[in-house]
Amino acid sequence: MANWAVWALLSAFFAALTAILAKLGLRGVDSDYATLIRTFLIFWALLGFVVLTGKWSDPLSLPGSTWLFLGLSALATGASWVAYFRALQLGEAHRVAPVDKLSVVLVALLAMLFLGERPSLREWMSITLVTLGVLVLALKR
C-alpha cells in the first residue's frame, strides 16, 4: 500500500475516533466553546510534536503565499470544526460523520477546478457511491 494511503487510513481512523470522543465531550457544553478548547489543546499538542521531532523552523522565513493559503485553510478548518461540532451536538454521530464526508465529493470538484486534477472513471464511480451513501443517510424515510 502506498505511503499516502497508510496516512489516509490513519486519518480516517482518527477522524472516526474524533467524532465519538467529541460527541461524549459535548454533553452539557456549548459546541463553540468545546471547539475552542479542542483547538487550544491541538495547538499545544502539535507544538510539542513539532519541537520534539526537530521540525521547528523560523515561521517568518516562509513565503507569503504559504502564509496566505495556510491562513485561509485555518479559517476553513475552523468553520468546518464549528459546523461539525454543532452538528454532533444536535444529531447522531453515525449520521453526522458520513454527511460530513460529502467533503470527499467537494474535494474532487474543487481539485478539478483549482488544481487541474482529473479523476479517472473508476475514481468518479467511487465519488458517486460516496454521494449516494450520503443521500441515503440524509434523506428521511
N, C-alpha and C. Protein backbone atom coordinates (compact mmCIF):
# COMPACT_ATOMS: atom_id res chain seq x y z
N MET A 1 0.85 -1.18 0.00
CA MET A 1 0.00 0.00 0.00
C MET A 1 0.90 1.24 0.00
N ALA A 2 0.53 2.21 -0.80
CA ALA A 2 1.32 3.43 -0.91
C ALA A 2 1.35 4.17 0.42
N ASN A 3 2.43 4.90 0.67
CA ASN A 3 2.61 5.62 1.92
C ASN A 3 1.46 6.59 2.19
N TRP A 4 0.97 7.28 1.15
CA TRP A 4 -0.12 8.22 1.35
C TRP A 4 -1.38 7.50 1.83
N ALA A 5 -1.59 6.27 1.35
CA ALA A 5 -2.79 5.53 1.72
C ALA A 5 -2.76 5.13 3.20
N VAL A 6 -1.59 4.78 3.70
CA VAL A 6 -1.47 4.46 5.13
C VAL A 6 -1.85 5.68 5.97
N TRP A 7 -1.31 6.83 5.60
CA TRP A 7 -1.62 8.06 6.33
C TRP A 7 -3.10 8.44 6.19
N ALA A 8 -3.68 8.20 5.01
CA ALA A 8 -5.10 8.49 4.81
C ALA A 8 -5.97 7.57 5.67
N LEU A 9 -5.59 6.30 5.78
CA LEU A 9 -6.33 5.38 6.65
C LEU A 9 -6.21 5.78 8.12
N LEU A 10 -5.02 6.19 8.51
CA LEU A 10 -4.84 6.70 9.88
C LEU A 10 -5.72 7.93 10.11
N SER A 11 -5.77 8.80 9.13
CA SER A 11 -6.61 9.99 9.22
C SER A 11 -8.07 9.59 9.41
N ALA A 12 -8.54 8.63 8.63
CA ALA A 12 -9.92 8.17 8.74
C ALA A 12 -10.20 7.57 10.11
N PHE A 13 -9.25 6.77 10.61
CA PHE A 13 -9.42 6.18 11.94
C PHE A 13 -9.53 7.25 13.02
N PHE A 14 -8.60 8.22 12.98
CA PHE A 14 -8.61 9.26 13.99
C PHE A 14 -9.80 10.20 13.84
N ALA A 15 -10.27 10.40 12.61
CA ALA A 15 -11.48 11.20 12.40
C ALA A 15 -12.69 10.50 13.00
N ALA A 16 -12.75 9.18 12.84
CA ALA A 16 -13.84 8.41 13.45
C ALA A 16 -13.78 8.50 14.97
N LEU A 17 -12.59 8.34 15.51
CA LEU A 17 -12.40 8.45 16.95
C LEU A 17 -12.77 9.85 17.44
N THR A 18 -12.43 10.86 16.65
CA THR A 18 -12.75 12.24 16.98
C THR A 18 -14.25 12.42 17.14
N ALA A 19 -15.02 11.86 16.22
CA ALA A 19 -16.48 12.01 16.27
C ALA A 19 -17.05 11.42 17.56
N ILE A 20 -16.59 10.23 17.91
CA ILE A 20 -17.11 9.57 19.11
C ILE A 20 -16.69 10.32 20.37
N LEU A 21 -15.40 10.65 20.47
CA LEU A 21 -14.91 11.36 21.66
C LEU A 21 -15.53 12.75 21.77
N ALA A 22 -15.70 13.43 20.64
CA ALA A 22 -16.32 14.76 20.66
C ALA A 22 -17.77 14.67 21.10
N LYS A 23 -18.50 13.70 20.60
CA LYS A 23 -19.91 13.52 20.99
C LYS A 23 -20.01 13.32 22.50
N LEU A 24 -19.10 12.52 23.05
CA LEU A 24 -19.08 12.30 24.50
C LEU A 24 -18.70 13.59 25.25
N GLY A 25 -17.75 14.35 24.69
CA GLY A 25 -17.28 15.56 25.34
C GLY A 25 -18.24 16.74 25.23
N LEU A 26 -19.18 16.67 24.32
CA LEU A 26 -20.11 17.78 24.12
C LEU A 26 -21.28 17.78 25.09
N ARG A 27 -21.39 16.76 25.90
CA ARG A 27 -22.51 16.69 26.85
C ARG A 27 -22.44 17.85 27.84
N GLY A 28 -23.42 18.72 27.77
CA GLY A 28 -23.52 19.82 28.72
C GLY A 28 -22.58 20.99 28.43
N VAL A 29 -21.97 21.02 27.24
CA VAL A 29 -21.03 22.09 26.89
C VAL A 29 -21.46 22.68 25.54
N ASP A 30 -21.41 23.99 25.42
CA ASP A 30 -21.70 24.64 24.15
C ASP A 30 -20.70 24.17 23.10
N SER A 31 -21.17 23.88 21.90
CA SER A 31 -20.31 23.32 20.86
C SER A 31 -19.22 24.29 20.43
N ASP A 32 -19.50 25.59 20.39
CA ASP A 32 -18.47 26.56 20.02
C ASP A 32 -17.37 26.63 21.07
N TYR A 33 -17.77 26.61 22.34
CA TYR A 33 -16.79 26.63 23.43
C TYR A 33 -15.95 25.35 23.41
N ALA A 34 -16.60 24.23 23.14
CA ALA A 34 -15.89 22.95 23.05
C ALA A 34 -14.88 22.98 21.90
N THR A 35 -15.24 23.60 20.78
CA THR A 35 -14.32 23.72 19.65
C THR A 35 -13.10 24.56 20.04
N LEU A 36 -13.32 25.63 20.78
CA LEU A 36 -12.21 26.47 21.25
C LEU A 36 -11.26 25.66 22.14
N ILE A 37 -11.81 24.92 23.08
CA ILE A 37 -10.98 24.10 23.98
C ILE A 37 -10.19 23.08 23.17
N ARG A 38 -10.87 22.43 22.23
CA ARG A 38 -10.21 21.43 21.39
C ARG A 38 -9.07 22.06 20.59
N THR A 39 -9.31 23.23 20.03
CA THR A 39 -8.29 23.91 19.23
C THR A 39 -7.09 24.28 20.09
N PHE A 40 -7.34 24.77 21.28
CA PHE A 40 -6.27 25.12 22.22
C PHE A 40 -5.40 23.89 22.53
N LEU A 41 -6.05 22.78 22.79
CA LEU A 41 -5.32 21.55 23.10
C LEU A 41 -4.55 21.03 21.89
N ILE A 42 -5.14 21.13 20.71
CA ILE A 42 -4.45 20.71 19.50
C ILE A 42 -3.20 21.55 19.27
N PHE A 43 -3.32 22.88 19.48
CA PHE A 43 -2.17 23.76 19.30
C PHE A 43 -0.99 23.29 20.15
N TRP A 44 -1.22 23.05 21.44
CA TRP A 44 -0.14 22.66 22.34
C TRP A 44 0.41 21.28 22.00
N ALA A 45 -0.47 20.36 21.62
CA ALA A 45 -0.01 19.01 21.26
C ALA A 45 0.87 19.06 20.01
N LEU A 46 0.43 19.81 19.00
CA LEU A 46 1.21 19.90 17.77
C LEU A 46 2.51 20.68 17.96
N LEU A 47 2.47 21.71 18.77
CA LEU A 47 3.70 22.45 19.06
C LEU A 47 4.73 21.52 19.70
N GLY A 48 4.29 20.74 20.67
CA GLY A 48 5.20 19.78 21.31
C GLY A 48 5.72 18.75 20.32
N PHE A 49 4.86 18.25 19.47
CA PHE A 49 5.26 17.26 18.47
C PHE A 49 6.30 17.84 17.51
N VAL A 50 6.06 19.04 17.00
CA VAL A 50 6.98 19.65 16.04
C VAL A 50 8.33 19.94 16.69
N VAL A 51 8.31 20.44 17.90
CA VAL A 51 9.57 20.75 18.60
C VAL A 51 10.33 19.46 18.92
N LEU A 52 9.62 18.47 19.48
CA LEU A 52 10.29 17.23 19.89
C LEU A 52 10.83 16.43 18.71
N THR A 53 10.22 16.55 17.55
CA THR A 53 10.71 15.82 16.37
C THR A 53 11.71 16.62 15.56
N GLY A 54 12.07 17.81 16.04
CA GLY A 54 13.08 18.62 15.37
C GLY A 54 12.62 19.26 14.07
N LYS A 55 11.32 19.46 13.93
CA LYS A 55 10.77 20.02 12.69
C LYS A 55 10.52 21.53 12.78
N TRP A 56 10.83 22.12 13.92
CA TRP A 56 10.60 23.56 14.10
C TRP A 56 11.59 24.35 13.24
N SER A 57 11.09 25.38 12.59
CA SER A 57 11.94 26.32 11.86
C SER A 57 11.32 27.71 12.01
N ASP A 58 12.02 28.70 11.57
CA ASP A 58 11.54 30.07 11.70
C ASP A 58 10.31 30.27 10.81
N PRO A 59 9.13 30.48 11.41
CA PRO A 59 7.93 30.65 10.60
C PRO A 59 7.97 31.92 9.73
N LEU A 60 8.77 32.90 10.14
CA LEU A 60 8.85 34.14 9.36
C LEU A 60 9.63 33.96 8.06
N SER A 61 10.32 32.82 7.94
CA SER A 61 11.07 32.56 6.71
C SER A 61 10.19 31.95 5.61
N LEU A 62 8.95 31.64 5.95
CA LEU A 62 8.04 31.05 4.95
C LEU A 62 7.58 32.12 3.97
N PRO A 63 7.36 31.73 2.71
CA PRO A 63 6.88 32.70 1.72
C PRO A 63 5.48 33.20 2.06
N GLY A 64 5.16 34.39 1.55
CA GLY A 64 3.85 34.99 1.79
C GLY A 64 2.71 34.13 1.30
N SER A 65 2.91 33.45 0.16
CA SER A 65 1.83 32.61 -0.37
C SER A 65 1.53 31.43 0.57
N THR A 66 2.56 30.92 1.23
CA THR A 66 2.35 29.84 2.20
C THR A 66 1.49 30.35 3.35
N TRP A 67 1.83 31.53 3.87
CA TRP A 67 1.04 32.12 4.95
C TRP A 67 -0.40 32.38 4.52
N LEU A 68 -0.57 32.88 3.29
CA LEU A 68 -1.91 33.17 2.79
C LEU A 68 -2.75 31.90 2.73
N PHE A 69 -2.23 30.85 2.08
CA PHE A 69 -3.02 29.65 1.90
C PHE A 69 -3.20 28.86 3.19
N LEU A 70 -2.18 28.85 4.05
CA LEU A 70 -2.35 28.19 5.36
C LEU A 70 -3.33 28.97 6.22
N GLY A 71 -3.30 30.29 6.12
CA GLY A 71 -4.27 31.12 6.86
C GLY A 71 -5.69 30.87 6.39
N LEU A 72 -5.89 30.83 5.08
CA LEU A 72 -7.22 30.55 4.54
C LEU A 72 -7.66 29.14 4.92
N SER A 73 -6.72 28.19 4.87
CA SER A 73 -7.02 26.82 5.28
C SER A 73 -7.43 26.77 6.75
N ALA A 74 -6.74 27.55 7.59
CA ALA A 74 -7.08 27.59 9.02
C ALA A 74 -8.49 28.13 9.22
N LEU A 75 -8.85 29.16 8.48
CA LEU A 75 -10.21 29.71 8.59
C LEU A 75 -11.25 28.68 8.14
N ALA A 76 -10.95 27.97 7.05
CA ALA A 76 -11.87 26.93 6.58
C ALA A 76 -11.97 25.79 7.59
N THR A 77 -10.83 25.41 8.18
CA THR A 77 -10.83 24.35 9.20
C THR A 77 -11.66 24.77 10.40
N GLY A 78 -11.45 26.00 10.85
CA GLY A 78 -12.23 26.50 11.99
C GLY A 78 -13.72 26.49 11.71
N ALA A 79 -14.10 26.95 10.53
CA ALA A 79 -15.52 26.94 10.16
C ALA A 79 -16.06 25.52 10.10
N SER A 80 -15.25 24.61 9.55
CA SER A 80 -15.64 23.21 9.48
C SER A 80 -15.83 22.61 10.88
N TRP A 81 -14.89 22.89 11.78
CA TRP A 81 -15.00 22.36 13.13
C TRP A 81 -16.21 22.91 13.87
N VAL A 82 -16.46 24.20 13.73
CA VAL A 82 -17.62 24.80 14.39
C VAL A 82 -18.90 24.14 13.88
N ALA A 83 -19.01 23.99 12.57
CA ALA A 83 -20.20 23.37 11.99
C ALA A 83 -20.31 21.89 12.39
N TYR A 84 -19.18 21.19 12.39
CA TYR A 84 -19.17 19.76 12.73
C TYR A 84 -19.57 19.53 14.19
N PHE A 85 -19.01 20.33 15.09
CA PHE A 85 -19.35 20.16 16.50
C PHE A 85 -20.81 20.52 16.75
N ARG A 86 -21.32 21.55 16.07
CA ARG A 86 -22.73 21.89 16.21
C ARG A 86 -23.60 20.75 15.71
N ALA A 87 -23.23 20.18 14.56
CA ALA A 87 -23.99 19.05 14.01
C ALA A 87 -23.95 17.85 14.96
N LEU A 88 -22.78 17.58 15.55
CA LEU A 88 -22.67 16.48 16.51
C LEU A 88 -23.51 16.72 17.74
N GLN A 89 -23.57 17.98 18.18
CA GLN A 89 -24.35 18.29 19.37
C GLN A 89 -25.85 18.10 19.09
N LEU A 90 -26.26 18.38 17.86
CA LEU A 90 -27.68 18.32 17.51
C LEU A 90 -28.11 16.96 16.96
N GLY A 91 -27.18 16.22 16.38
CA GLY A 91 -27.56 14.97 15.71
C GLY A 91 -26.79 13.78 16.22
N GLU A 92 -27.10 12.63 15.63
CA GLU A 92 -26.43 11.38 15.99
C GLU A 92 -25.11 11.27 15.23
N ALA A 93 -24.09 10.84 15.93
CA ALA A 93 -22.75 10.75 15.33
C ALA A 93 -22.74 9.87 14.09
N HIS A 94 -23.49 8.77 14.12
CA HIS A 94 -23.47 7.84 12.98
C HIS A 94 -24.15 8.43 11.74
N ARG A 95 -24.88 9.53 11.90
CA ARG A 95 -25.47 10.21 10.74
C ARG A 95 -24.66 11.45 10.36
N VAL A 96 -24.13 12.14 11.36
CA VAL A 96 -23.39 13.38 11.11
C VAL A 96 -22.08 13.10 10.38
N ALA A 97 -21.30 12.14 10.86
CA ALA A 97 -19.97 11.89 10.30
C ALA A 97 -20.02 11.52 8.81
N PRO A 98 -20.90 10.62 8.39
CA PRO A 98 -20.92 10.33 6.95
C PRO A 98 -21.33 11.53 6.08
N VAL A 99 -22.26 12.34 6.56
CA VAL A 99 -22.65 13.52 5.79
C VAL A 99 -21.47 14.49 5.69
N ASP A 100 -20.71 14.59 6.78
CA ASP A 100 -19.50 15.41 6.76
C ASP A 100 -18.54 14.94 5.68
N LYS A 101 -18.56 13.67 5.38
CA LYS A 101 -17.65 13.12 4.38
C LYS A 101 -18.09 13.43 2.95
N LEU A 102 -19.17 14.17 2.80
CA LEU A 102 -19.50 14.70 1.48
C LEU A 102 -18.36 15.59 1.01
N SER A 103 -17.50 15.96 1.94
CA SER A 103 -16.30 16.72 1.57
C SER A 103 -15.47 15.97 0.54
N VAL A 104 -15.55 14.64 0.50
CA VAL A 104 -14.82 13.84 -0.49
C VAL A 104 -15.24 14.28 -1.89
N VAL A 105 -16.53 14.45 -2.09
CA VAL A 105 -17.06 14.86 -3.39
C VAL A 105 -16.64 16.29 -3.69
N LEU A 106 -16.78 17.15 -2.70
CA LEU A 106 -16.42 18.55 -2.90
C LEU A 106 -14.93 18.72 -3.17
N VAL A 107 -14.09 17.93 -2.50
CA VAL A 107 -12.64 17.98 -2.77
C VAL A 107 -12.37 17.62 -4.22
N ALA A 108 -13.01 16.58 -4.72
CA ALA A 108 -12.79 16.17 -6.11
C ALA A 108 -13.17 17.30 -7.06
N LEU A 109 -14.32 17.93 -6.82
CA LEU A 109 -14.75 19.02 -7.70
C LEU A 109 -13.83 20.23 -7.60
N LEU A 110 -13.47 20.61 -6.37
CA LEU A 110 -12.59 21.77 -6.18
C LEU A 110 -11.17 21.49 -6.69
N ALA A 111 -10.71 20.24 -6.56
CA ALA A 111 -9.38 19.88 -7.07
C ALA A 111 -9.34 19.97 -8.59
N MET A 112 -10.45 19.64 -9.23
CA MET A 112 -10.53 19.79 -10.69
C MET A 112 -10.46 21.28 -11.04
N LEU A 113 -11.23 22.06 -10.34
CA LEU A 113 -11.35 23.49 -10.66
C LEU A 113 -10.07 24.27 -10.37
N PHE A 114 -9.48 24.05 -9.19
CA PHE A 114 -8.35 24.88 -8.75
C PHE A 114 -6.97 24.24 -8.93
N LEU A 115 -6.92 22.91 -8.97
CA LEU A 115 -5.62 22.23 -9.05
C LEU A 115 -5.40 21.52 -10.38
N GLY A 116 -6.42 21.50 -11.21
CA GLY A 116 -6.29 20.85 -12.51
C GLY A 116 -6.24 19.33 -12.43
N GLU A 117 -6.67 18.75 -11.32
CA GLU A 117 -6.67 17.30 -11.19
C GLU A 117 -7.82 16.71 -12.00
N ARG A 118 -7.61 15.52 -12.51
CA ARG A 118 -8.62 14.85 -13.32
C ARG A 118 -8.81 13.41 -12.82
N PRO A 119 -9.81 13.20 -11.96
CA PRO A 119 -10.07 11.83 -11.50
C PRO A 119 -10.43 10.91 -12.68
N SER A 120 -10.06 9.64 -12.54
CA SER A 120 -10.36 8.65 -13.57
C SER A 120 -11.84 8.24 -13.45
N LEU A 121 -12.31 7.48 -14.42
CA LEU A 121 -13.68 6.99 -14.39
C LEU A 121 -13.92 6.16 -13.13
N ARG A 122 -12.96 5.32 -12.79
CA ARG A 122 -13.07 4.48 -11.58
C ARG A 122 -13.19 5.36 -10.33
N GLU A 123 -12.39 6.43 -10.28
CA GLU A 123 -12.44 7.33 -9.12
C GLU A 123 -13.77 8.08 -9.07
N TRP A 124 -14.30 8.49 -10.23
CA TRP A 124 -15.60 9.15 -10.26
C TRP A 124 -16.70 8.19 -9.81
N MET A 125 -16.58 6.92 -10.14
CA MET A 125 -17.57 5.94 -9.68
C MET A 125 -17.55 5.86 -8.15
N SER A 126 -16.35 5.87 -7.57
CA SER A 126 -16.23 5.84 -6.11
C SER A 126 -16.83 7.10 -5.49
N ILE A 127 -16.53 8.24 -6.08
CA ILE A 127 -17.06 9.51 -5.58
C ILE A 127 -18.58 9.52 -5.66
N THR A 128 -19.13 8.97 -6.75
CA THR A 128 -20.58 8.88 -6.91
C THR A 128 -21.19 7.99 -5.83
N LEU A 129 -20.53 6.88 -5.52
CA LEU A 129 -21.03 5.98 -4.47
C LEU A 129 -21.04 6.68 -3.11
N VAL A 130 -20.02 7.48 -2.82
CA VAL A 130 -20.00 8.25 -1.58
C VAL A 130 -21.19 9.20 -1.55
N THR A 131 -21.44 9.88 -2.66
CA THR A 131 -22.57 10.81 -2.75
C THR A 131 -23.88 10.09 -2.49
N LEU A 132 -24.07 8.95 -3.12
CA LEU A 132 -25.30 8.17 -2.94
C LEU A 132 -25.45 7.73 -1.49
N GLY A 133 -24.36 7.31 -0.87
CA GLY A 133 -24.41 6.91 0.53
C GLY A 133 -24.83 8.06 1.44
N VAL A 134 -24.30 9.24 1.18
CA VAL A 134 -24.67 10.41 1.96
C VAL A 134 -26.15 10.73 1.78
N LEU A 135 -26.64 10.65 0.54
CA LEU A 135 -28.05 10.93 0.28
C LEU A 135 -28.96 9.93 1.00
N VAL A 136 -28.57 8.67 0.98
CA VAL A 136 -29.37 7.65 1.66
C VAL A 136 -29.44 7.95 3.17
N LEU A 137 -28.32 8.34 3.75
CA LEU A 137 -28.29 8.64 5.18
C LEU A 137 -29.04 9.94 5.51
N ALA A 138 -28.94 10.92 4.63
CA ALA A 138 -29.51 12.23 4.92
C ALA A 138 -31.02 12.29 4.72
N LEU A 139 -31.52 11.51 3.78
CA LEU A 139 -32.96 11.55 3.49
C LEU A 139 -33.73 10.78 4.56
N LYS A 140 -34.81 11.38 5.00
CA LYS A 140 -35.67 10.67 5.99
C LYS A 140 -36.52 9.65 5.30
N ARG A 141 -36.90 8.66 6.05
CA ARG A 141 -37.78 7.61 5.49
C ARG A 141 -39.18 8.10 5.36
